[in-house]
PDB file of N, CA and C in Angstrom:
ATOM      1  N   UNK A   1      33.387 -49.889 -58.588  1.00  0.00           N
ATOM      2  CA  UNK A   1      33.278 -48.577 -59.184  1.00  0.00           C
ATOM      3  C   UNK A   1      34.207 -47.588 -58.479  1.00  0.00           C
ATOM      4  N   UNK A   2      34.368 -47.704 -57.165  1.00  0.00           N
ATOM      5  CA  UNK A   2      35.226 -46.794 -56.403  1.00  0.00           C
ATOM      6  C   UNK A   2      36.426 -47.553 -55.859  1.00  0.00           C
ATOM      7  N   UNK A   3      37.517 -46.846 -55.638  1.00  0.00           N
ATOM      8  CA  UNK A   3      38.708 -47.506 -55.134  1.00  0.00           C
ATOM      9  C   UNK A   3      38.528 -47.939 -53.681  1.00  0.00           C
ATOM     10  N   UNK A   4      39.290 -48.948 -53.283  1.00  0.00           N
ATOM     11  CA  UNK A   4      39.226 -49.460 -51.923  1.00  0.00           C
ATOM     12  C   UNK A   4      39.618 -48.354 -50.947  1.00  0.00           C
ATOM     13  N   UNK A   5      38.791 -48.147 -49.945  1.00  0.00           N
ATOM     14  CA  UNK A   5      39.042 -47.101 -48.966  1.00  0.00           C
ATOM     15  C   UNK A   5      38.330 -45.797 -49.276  1.00  0.00           C
ATOM     16  N   UNK A   6      37.679 -45.719 -50.427  1.00  0.00           N
ATOM     17  CA  UNK A   6      36.929 -44.519 -50.782  1.00  0.00           C
ATOM     18  C   UNK A   6      35.743 -44.345 -49.845  1.00  0.00           C
ATOM     19  N   UNK A   7      35.380 -43.101 -49.578  1.00  0.00           N
ATOM     20  CA  UNK A   7      34.212 -42.851 -48.730  1.00  0.00           C
ATOM     21  C   UNK A   7      32.921 -43.341 -49.391  1.00  0.00           C
ATOM     22  N   UNK A   8      32.949 -43.581 -50.691  1.00  0.00           N
ATOM     23  CA  UNK A   8      31.769 -44.039 -51.428  1.00  0.00           C
ATOM     24  C   UNK A   8      31.745 -45.557 -51.626  1.00  0.00           C
ATOM     25  N   UNK A   9      32.782 -46.241 -51.158  1.00  0.00           N
ATOM     26  CA  UNK A   9      32.953 -47.673 -51.419  1.00  0.00           C
ATOM     27  C   UNK A   9      31.733 -48.498 -51.004  1.00  0.00           C
ATOM     28  N   UNK A  10      31.114 -48.183 -49.878  1.00  0.00           N
ATOM     29  CA  UNK A  10      30.024 -49.012 -49.362  1.00  0.00           C
ATOM     30  C   UNK A  10      28.675 -48.290 -49.295  1.00  0.00           C
ATOM     31  N   UNK A  11      28.559 -47.135 -49.933  1.00  0.00           N
ATOM     32  CA  UNK A  11      27.313 -46.369 -49.807  1.00  0.00           C
ATOM     33  C   UNK A  11      26.198 -46.860 -50.713  1.00  0.00           C
ATOM     34  N   UNK A  12      26.545 -47.519 -51.786  1.00  0.00           N
ATOM     35  CA  UNK A  12      25.526 -47.981 -52.723  1.00  0.00           C
ATOM     36  C   UNK A  12      25.219 -46.934 -53.784  1.00  0.00           C
ATOM     37  N   UNK A  13      24.391 -47.320 -54.727  1.00  0.00           N
ATOM     38  CA  UNK A  13      24.024 -46.427 -55.823  1.00  0.00           C
ATOM     39  C   UNK A  13      22.521 -46.492 -56.062  1.00  0.00           C
ATOM     40  N   UNK A  14      22.031 -45.572 -56.863  1.00  0.00           N
ATOM     41  CA  UNK A  14      20.644 -45.601 -57.328  1.00  0.00           C
ATOM     42  C   UNK A  14      20.591 -44.943 -58.693  1.00  0.00           C
ATOM     43  N   UNK A  15      19.497 -45.118 -59.381  1.00  0.00           N
ATOM     44  CA  UNK A  15      19.360 -44.612 -60.749  1.00  0.00           C
ATOM     45  C   UNK A  15      18.387 -43.436 -60.760  1.00  0.00           C
ATOM     46  N   UNK A  16      18.776 -42.376 -61.446  1.00  0.00           N
ATOM     47  CA  UNK A  16      17.898 -41.221 -61.652  1.00  0.00           C
ATOM     48  C   UNK A  16      17.700 -41.034 -63.147  1.00  0.00           C
ATOM     49  N   UNK A  17      16.601 -40.412 -63.506  1.00  0.00           N
ATOM     50  CA  UNK A  17      16.307 -40.120 -64.907  1.00  0.00           C
ATOM     51  C   UNK A  17      16.406 -38.620 -65.119  1.00  0.00           C
ATOM     52  N   UNK A  18      17.203 -38.212 -66.112  1.00  0.00           N
ATOM     53  CA  UNK A  18      17.372 -36.796 -66.401  1.00  0.00           C
ATOM     54  C   UNK A  18      16.138 -36.261 -67.128  1.00  0.00           C
ATOM     55  N   UNK A  19      16.068 -34.967 -67.294  1.00  0.00           N
ATOM     56  CA  UNK A  19      14.952 -34.346 -68.026  1.00  0.00           C
ATOM     57  C   UNK A  19      14.852 -34.859 -69.452  1.00  0.00           C
ATOM     58  N   UNK A  20      16.008 -35.221 -69.988  1.00  0.00           N
ATOM     59  CA  UNK A  20      16.043 -35.727 -71.368  1.00  0.00           C
ATOM     60  C   UNK A  20      15.653 -37.199 -71.452  1.00  0.00           C
ATOM     61  N   UNK A  21      15.407 -37.837 -70.305  1.00  0.00           N
ATOM     62  CA  UNK A  21      15.000 -39.232 -70.290  1.00  0.00           C
ATOM     63  C   UNK A  21      16.144 -40.225 -70.164  1.00  0.00           C
ATOM     64  N   UNK A  22      17.352 -39.731 -70.027  1.00  0.00           N
ATOM     65  CA  UNK A  22      18.518 -40.606 -69.879  1.00  0.00           C
ATOM     66  C   UNK A  22      18.630 -41.090 -68.437  1.00  0.00           C
ATOM     67  N   UNK A  23      18.938 -42.358 -68.250  1.00  0.00           N
ATOM     68  CA  UNK A  23      19.108 -42.889 -66.908  1.00  0.00           C
ATOM     69  C   UNK A  23      20.585 -42.848 -66.517  1.00  0.00           C
ATOM     70  N   UNK A  24      20.828 -42.352 -65.304  1.00  0.00           N
ATOM     71  CA  UNK A  24      22.189 -42.182 -64.811  1.00  0.00           C
ATOM     72  C   UNK A  24      22.294 -42.838 -63.439  1.00  0.00           C
ATOM     73  N   UNK A  25      23.331 -43.614 -63.229  1.00  0.00           N
ATOM     74  CA  UNK A  25      23.576 -44.220 -61.929  1.00  0.00           C
ATOM     75  C   UNK A  25      24.421 -43.253 -61.106  1.00  0.00           C
ATOM     76  N   UNK A  26      23.967 -42.990 -59.889  1.00  0.00           N
ATOM     77  CA  UNK A  26      24.678 -42.058 -59.007  1.00  0.00           C
ATOM     78  C   UNK A  26      24.958 -42.738 -57.676  1.00  0.00           C
ATOM     79  N   UNK A  27      25.978 -42.253 -57.000  1.00  0.00           N
ATOM     80  CA  UNK A  27      26.341 -42.792 -55.687  1.00  0.00           C
ATOM     81  C   UNK A  27      25.533 -42.090 -54.604  1.00  0.00           C
ATOM     82  N   UNK A  28      25.153 -42.856 -53.596  1.00  0.00           N
ATOM     83  CA  UNK A  28      24.475 -42.261 -52.449  1.00  0.00           C
ATOM     84  C   UNK A  28      25.476 -41.432 -51.668  1.00  0.00           C
ATOM     85  N   UNK A  29      25.001 -40.369 -51.063  1.00  0.00           N
ATOM     86  CA  UNK A  29      25.854 -39.490 -50.281  1.00  0.00           C
ATOM     87  C   UNK A  29      26.222 -40.163 -48.963  1.00  0.00           C
ATOM     88  N   UNK A  30      27.504 -40.295 -48.681  1.00  0.00           N
ATOM     89  CA  UNK A  30      27.885 -40.897 -47.409  1.00  0.00           C
ATOM     90  C   UNK A  30      27.705 -39.885 -46.275  1.00  0.00           C
ATOM     91  N   UNK A  31      27.109 -40.319 -45.209  1.00  0.00           N
ATOM     92  CA  UNK A  31      26.943 -39.444 -44.055  1.00  0.00           C
ATOM     93  C   UNK A  31      28.104 -39.665 -43.103  1.00  0.00           C
ATOM     94  N   UNK A  32      28.713 -38.581 -42.618  1.00  0.00           N
ATOM     95  CA  UNK A  32      29.850 -38.753 -41.719  1.00  0.00           C
ATOM     96  C   UNK A  32      29.413 -39.365 -40.398  1.00  0.00           C
ATOM     97  N   UNK A  33      30.244 -40.234 -39.892  1.00  0.00           N
ATOM     98  CA  UNK A  33      29.988 -40.825 -38.591  1.00  0.00           C
ATOM     99  C   UNK A  33      30.699 -40.028 -37.513  1.00  0.00           C
ATOM    100  N   UNK A  34      30.583 -40.473 -36.308  1.00  0.00           N
ATOM    101  CA  UNK A  34      31.273 -39.829 -35.201  1.00  0.00           C
ATOM    102  C   UNK A  34      32.696 -40.368 -35.166  1.00  0.00           C
ATOM    103  N   UNK A  35      33.658 -39.475 -35.192  1.00  0.00           N
ATOM    104  CA  UNK A  35      35.061 -39.881 -35.193  1.00  0.00           C
ATOM    105  C   UNK A  35      35.681 -39.623 -33.826  1.00  0.00           C
ATOM    106  N   UNK A  36      36.428 -40.605 -33.359  1.00  0.00           N
ATOM    107  CA  UNK A  36      37.236 -40.381 -32.166  1.00  0.00           C
ATOM    108  C   UNK A  36      38.526 -39.735 -32.636  1.00  0.00           C
ATOM    109  N   UNK A  37      38.983 -38.757 -31.882  1.00  0.00           N
ATOM    110  CA  UNK A  37      40.154 -38.006 -32.296  1.00  0.00           C
ATOM    111  C   UNK A  37      41.422 -38.460 -31.583  1.00  0.00           C
ATOM    112  N   UNK A  38      42.501 -38.495 -32.357  1.00  0.00           N
ATOM    113  CA  UNK A  38      43.831 -38.720 -31.819  1.00  0.00           C
ATOM    114  C   UNK A  38      44.278 -37.455 -31.091  1.00  0.00           C
ATOM    115  N   UNK A  39      43.900 -36.328 -31.650  1.00  0.00           N
ATOM    116  CA  UNK A  39      44.280 -35.024 -31.110  1.00  0.00           C
ATOM    117  C   UNK A  39      44.056 -33.968 -32.169  1.00  0.00           C
ATOM    118  N   UNK A  40      44.770 -32.866 -32.040  1.00  0.00           N
ATOM    119  CA  UNK A  40      44.640 -31.760 -32.987  1.00  0.00           C
ATOM    120  C   UNK A  40      45.992 -31.420 -33.587  1.00  0.00           C
ATOM    121  N   UNK A  41      45.944 -30.996 -34.836  1.00  0.00           N
ATOM    122  CA  UNK A  41      47.140 -30.588 -35.569  1.00  0.00           C
ATOM    123  C   UNK A  41      47.029 -29.093 -35.835  1.00  0.00           C
ATOM    124  N   UNK A  42      48.070 -28.348 -35.453  1.00  0.00           N
ATOM    125  CA  UNK A  42      48.105 -26.916 -35.765  1.00  0.00           C
ATOM    126  C   UNK A  42      48.622 -26.772 -37.186  1.00  0.00           C
ATOM    127  N   UNK A  43      47.761 -26.294 -38.037  1.00  0.00           N
ATOM    128  CA  UNK A  43      48.073 -26.209 -39.464  1.00  0.00           C
ATOM    129  C   UNK A  43      49.040 -25.065 -39.750  1.00  0.00           C
ATOM    130  N   UNK A  44      50.027 -25.358 -40.588  1.00  0.00           N
ATOM    131  CA  UNK A  44      50.983 -24.344 -41.021  1.00  0.00           C
ATOM    132  C   UNK A  44      50.566 -23.844 -42.402  1.00  0.00           C
ATOM    133  N   UNK A  45      50.944 -22.642 -42.714  1.00  0.00           N
ATOM    134  CA  UNK A  45      50.584 -22.072 -44.015  1.00  0.00           C
ATOM    135  C   UNK A  45      51.126 -22.937 -45.147  1.00  0.00           C
ATOM    136  N   UNK A  46      50.270 -23.227 -46.110  1.00  0.00           N
ATOM    137  CA  UNK A  46      50.655 -24.023 -47.268  1.00  0.00           C
ATOM    138  C   UNK A  46      50.594 -25.523 -47.047  1.00  0.00           C
ATOM    139  N   UNK A  47      50.275 -25.939 -45.846  1.00  0.00           N
ATOM    140  CA  UNK A  47      50.213 -27.368 -45.546  1.00  0.00           C
ATOM    141  C   UNK A  47      48.949 -27.965 -46.149  1.00  0.00           C
ATOM    142  N   UNK A  48      49.127 -29.058 -46.865  1.00  0.00           N
ATOM    143  CA  UNK A  48      47.991 -29.674 -47.563  1.00  0.00           C
ATOM    144  C   UNK A  48      47.383 -30.802 -46.748  1.00  0.00           C
ATOM    145  N   UNK A  49      46.076 -30.954 -46.933  1.00  0.00           N
ATOM    146  CA  UNK A  49      45.329 -31.954 -46.193  1.00  0.00           C
ATOM    147  C   UNK A  49      45.755 -33.376 -46.551  1.00  0.00           C
ATOM    148  N   UNK A  50      46.089 -33.620 -47.813  1.00  0.00           N
ATOM    149  CA  UNK A  50      46.521 -34.967 -48.185  1.00  0.00           C
ATOM    150  C   UNK A  50      47.856 -35.321 -47.535  1.00  0.00           C
ATOM    151  N   UNK A  51      48.708 -34.326 -47.308  1.00  0.00           N
ATOM    152  CA  UNK A  51      49.970 -34.581 -46.617  1.00  0.00           C
ATOM    153  C   UNK A  51      49.723 -34.919 -45.151  1.00  0.00           C
ATOM    154  N   UNK A  52      48.777 -34.224 -44.526  1.00  0.00           N
ATOM    155  CA  UNK A  52      48.432 -34.524 -43.138  1.00  0.00           C
ATOM    156  C   UNK A  52      47.819 -35.920 -43.033  1.00  0.00           C
ATOM    157  N   UNK A  53      46.975 -36.275 -43.986  1.00  0.00           N
ATOM    158  CA  UNK A  53      46.364 -37.607 -43.985  1.00  0.00           C
ATOM    159  C   UNK A  53      47.433 -38.681 -44.152  1.00  0.00           C
ATOM    160  N   UNK A  54      48.417 -38.426 -44.994  1.00  0.00           N
ATOM    161  CA  UNK A  54      49.515 -39.383 -45.168  1.00  0.00           C
ATOM    162  C   UNK A  54      50.300 -39.522 -43.873  1.00  0.00           C
ATOM    163  N   UNK A  55      50.537 -38.427 -43.199  1.00  0.00           N
ATOM    164  CA  UNK A  55      51.316 -38.446 -41.953  1.00  0.00           C
ATOM    165  C   UNK A  55      50.579 -39.167 -40.825  1.00  0.00           C
ATOM    166  N   UNK A  56      49.319 -38.806 -40.612  1.00  0.00           N
ATOM    167  CA  UNK A  56      48.586 -39.328 -39.466  1.00  0.00           C
ATOM    168  C   UNK A  56      47.817 -40.622 -39.743  1.00  0.00           C
ATOM    169  N   UNK A  57      47.366 -40.797 -40.982  1.00  0.00           N
ATOM    170  CA  UNK A  57      46.541 -41.960 -41.307  1.00  0.00           C
ATOM    171  C   UNK A  57      47.257 -42.962 -42.208  1.00  0.00           C
ATOM    172  N   UNK A  58      48.463 -42.621 -42.623  1.00  0.00           N
ATOM    173  CA  UNK A  58      49.249 -43.445 -43.554  1.00  0.00           C
ATOM    174  C   UNK A  58      48.512 -43.663 -44.874  1.00  0.00           C
ATOM    175  N   UNK A  59      47.697 -42.677 -45.256  1.00  0.00           N
ATOM    176  CA  UNK A  59      46.904 -42.780 -46.483  1.00  0.00           C
ATOM    177  C   UNK A  59      46.541 -41.388 -46.982  1.00  0.00           C
ATOM    178  N   UNK A  60      47.253 -40.873 -47.995  1.00  0.00           N
ATOM    179  CA  UNK A  60      46.941 -39.532 -48.481  1.00  0.00           C
ATOM    180  C   UNK A  60      45.534 -39.397 -49.063  1.00  0.00           C
ATOM    181  N   UNK A  61      44.961 -40.525 -49.529  1.00  0.00           N
ATOM    182  CA  UNK A  61      43.599 -40.452 -50.062  1.00  0.00           C
ATOM    183  C   UNK A  61      42.565 -40.444 -48.940  1.00  0.00           C
ATOM    184  N   UNK A  62      43.007 -40.567 -47.698  1.00  0.00           N
ATOM    185  CA  UNK A  62      42.100 -40.550 -46.549  1.00  0.00           C
ATOM    186  C   UNK A  62      41.808 -39.146 -46.042  1.00  0.00           C
ATOM    187  N   UNK A  63      42.115 -38.127 -46.855  1.00  0.00           N
ATOM    188  CA  UNK A  63      41.846 -36.749 -46.446  1.00  0.00           C
ATOM    189  C   UNK A  63      40.378 -36.548 -46.085  1.00  0.00           C
ATOM    190  N   UNK A  64      39.489 -37.319 -46.712  1.00  0.00           N
ATOM    191  CA  UNK A  64      38.056 -37.190 -46.438  1.00  0.00           C
ATOM    192  C   UNK A  64      37.737 -37.598 -45.006  1.00  0.00           C
ATOM    193  N   UNK A  65      38.533 -38.491 -44.422  1.00  0.00           N
ATOM    194  CA  UNK A  65      38.321 -38.874 -43.026  1.00  0.00           C
ATOM    195  C   UNK A  65      38.614 -37.689 -42.110  1.00  0.00           C
ATOM    196  N   UNK A  66      39.586 -36.884 -42.501  1.00  0.00           N
ATOM    197  CA  UNK A  66      39.892 -35.681 -41.723  1.00  0.00           C
ATOM    198  C   UNK A  66      38.758 -34.666 -41.878  1.00  0.00           C
ATOM    199  N   UNK A  67      38.191 -34.593 -43.074  1.00  0.00           N
ATOM    200  CA  UNK A  67      37.037 -33.706 -43.278  1.00  0.00           C
ATOM    201  C   UNK A  67      35.870 -34.143 -42.399  1.00  0.00           C
ATOM    202  N   UNK A  68      35.578 -35.445 -42.401  1.00  0.00           N
ATOM    203  CA  UNK A  68      34.476 -35.960 -41.586  1.00  0.00           C
ATOM    204  C   UNK A  68      34.704 -35.687 -40.106  1.00  0.00           C
ATOM    205  N   UNK A  69      35.924 -35.883 -39.648  1.00  0.00           N
ATOM    206  CA  UNK A  69      36.248 -35.682 -38.231  1.00  0.00           C
ATOM    207  C   UNK A  69      36.072 -34.223 -37.815  1.00  0.00           C
ATOM    208  N   UNK A  70      36.130 -33.312 -38.791  1.00  0.00           N
ATOM    209  CA  UNK A  70      36.006 -31.883 -38.512  1.00  0.00           C
ATOM    210  C   UNK A  70      34.684 -31.301 -38.995  1.00  0.00           C
ATOM    211  N   UNK A  71      33.753 -32.189 -39.342  1.00  0.00           N
ATOM    212  CA  UNK A  71      32.435 -31.762 -39.813  1.00  0.00           C
ATOM    213  C   UNK A  71      32.555 -30.754 -40.958  1.00  0.00           C
ATOM    214  N   UNK A  72      33.429 -31.074 -41.889  1.00  0.00           N
ATOM    215  CA  UNK A  72      33.692 -30.203 -43.024  1.00  0.00           C
ATOM    216  C   UNK A  72      33.269 -30.908 -44.310  1.00  0.00           C
ATOM    217  N   UNK A  73      32.309 -30.354 -45.057  1.00  0.00           N
ATOM    218  CA  UNK A  73      31.819 -31.029 -46.255  1.00  0.00           C
ATOM    219  C   UNK A  73      32.834 -31.118 -47.392  1.00  0.00           C
ATOM    220  N   UNK A  74      33.763 -30.180 -47.441  1.00  0.00           N
ATOM    221  CA  UNK A  74      34.773 -30.178 -48.504  1.00  0.00           C
ATOM    222  C   UNK A  74      36.141 -29.843 -47.919  1.00  0.00           C
ATOM    223  N   UNK A  75      37.210 -30.356 -48.507  1.00  0.00           N
ATOM    224  CA  UNK A  75      38.554 -30.098 -47.978  1.00  0.00           C
ATOM    225  C   UNK A  75      38.912 -28.615 -47.885  1.00  0.00           C
ATOM    226  N   UNK A  76      38.488 -27.817 -48.845  1.00  0.00           N
ATOM    227  CA  UNK A  76      38.834 -26.396 -48.827  1.00  0.00           C
ATOM    228  C   UNK A  76      38.284 -25.674 -47.602  1.00  0.00           C
ATOM    229  N   UNK A  77      37.220 -26.194 -47.007  1.00  0.00           N
ATOM    230  CA  UNK A  77      36.636 -25.550 -45.829  1.00  0.00           C
ATOM    231  C   UNK A  77      37.574 -25.640 -44.631  1.00  0.00           C
ATOM    232  N   UNK A  78      38.504 -26.575 -44.645  1.00  0.00           N
ATOM    233  CA  UNK A  78      39.453 -26.697 -43.535  1.00  0.00           C
ATOM    234  C   UNK A  78      40.633 -25.742 -43.658  1.00  0.00           C
ATOM    235  N   UNK A  79      40.808 -25.131 -44.810  1.00  0.00           N
ATOM    236  CA  UNK A  79      41.985 -24.285 -45.027  1.00  0.00           C
ATOM    237  C   UNK A  79      41.999 -23.049 -44.127  1.00  0.00           C
ATOM    238  N   UNK A  80      40.852 -22.632 -43.648  1.00  0.00           N
ATOM    239  CA  UNK A  80      40.798 -21.443 -42.786  1.00  0.00           C
ATOM    240  C   UNK A  80      40.924 -21.785 -41.296  1.00  0.00           C
ATOM    241  N   UNK A  81      40.974 -23.059 -40.978  1.00  0.00           N
ATOM    242  CA  UNK A  81      41.031 -23.463 -39.572  1.00  0.00           C
ATOM    243  C   UNK A  81      42.475 -23.589 -39.094  1.00  0.00           C
ATOM    244  N   UNK A  82      42.789 -22.999 -37.951  1.00  0.00           N
ATOM    245  CA  UNK A  82      44.144 -23.123 -37.424  1.00  0.00           C
ATOM    246  C   UNK A  82      44.405 -24.488 -36.787  1.00  0.00           C
ATOM    247  N   UNK A  83      43.370 -25.119 -36.230  1.00  0.00           N
ATOM    248  CA  UNK A  83      43.500 -26.441 -35.621  1.00  0.00           C
ATOM    249  C   UNK A  83      42.603 -27.418 -36.340  1.00  0.00           C
ATOM    250  N   UNK A  84      43.152 -28.570 -36.666  1.00  0.00           N
ATOM    251  CA  UNK A  84      42.383 -29.585 -37.380  1.00  0.00           C
ATOM    252  C   UNK A  84      42.394 -30.856 -36.545  1.00  0.00           C
ATOM    253  N   UNK A  85      41.204 -31.373 -36.273  1.00  0.00           N
ATOM    254  CA  UNK A  85      41.087 -32.617 -35.530  1.00  0.00           C
ATOM    255  C   UNK A  85      41.598 -33.778 -36.361  1.00  0.00           C
ATOM    256  N   UNK A  86      42.394 -34.620 -35.736  1.00  0.00           N
ATOM    257  CA  UNK A  86      42.973 -35.785 -36.419  1.00  0.00           C
ATOM    258  C   UNK A  86      42.281 -37.030 -35.911  1.00  0.00           C
ATOM    259  N   UNK A  87      41.587 -37.757 -36.809  1.00  0.00           N
ATOM    260  CA  UNK A  87      40.890 -38.977 -36.376  1.00  0.00           C
ATOM    261  C   UNK A  87      41.870 -40.106 -36.079  1.00  0.00           C
ATOM    262  N   UNK A  88      41.454 -41.020 -35.226  1.00  0.00           N
ATOM    263  CA  UNK A  88      42.256 -42.213 -34.970  1.00  0.00           C
ATOM    264  C   UNK A  88      42.302 -43.068 -36.223  1.00  0.00           C
ATOM    265  N   UNK A  89      43.408 -43.765 -36.420  1.00  0.00           N
ATOM    266  CA  UNK A  89      43.502 -44.720 -37.534  1.00  0.00           C
ATOM    267  C   UNK A  89      42.538 -45.855 -37.272  1.00  0.00           C
ATOM    268  N   UNK A  90      41.927 -46.359 -38.322  1.00  0.00           N
ATOM    269  CA  UNK A  90      41.001 -47.490 -38.167  1.00  0.00           C
ATOM    270  C   UNK A  90      41.646 -48.767 -38.587  1.00  0.00           C
TER     271      UNK A  90
END
């Protein structure tokens, strides 16, 4: 259901029933783990998180790993931070 390397790849799913009685399969919320950091990146104006993930993790879709390493629930929450923790490649 999810692409290889997705944060949801191994979380599993469960079924919920809507008010209308329709059953919907949903993904379990992945909880961030503790990330060891390579160091910190000083963010420049206009710099995108997917570009940083491509540079440091060799995977632009790994931006969520940078979010987890910075305890940030969504990528936009990192836009106000001048320093962003960079997780080690796995």
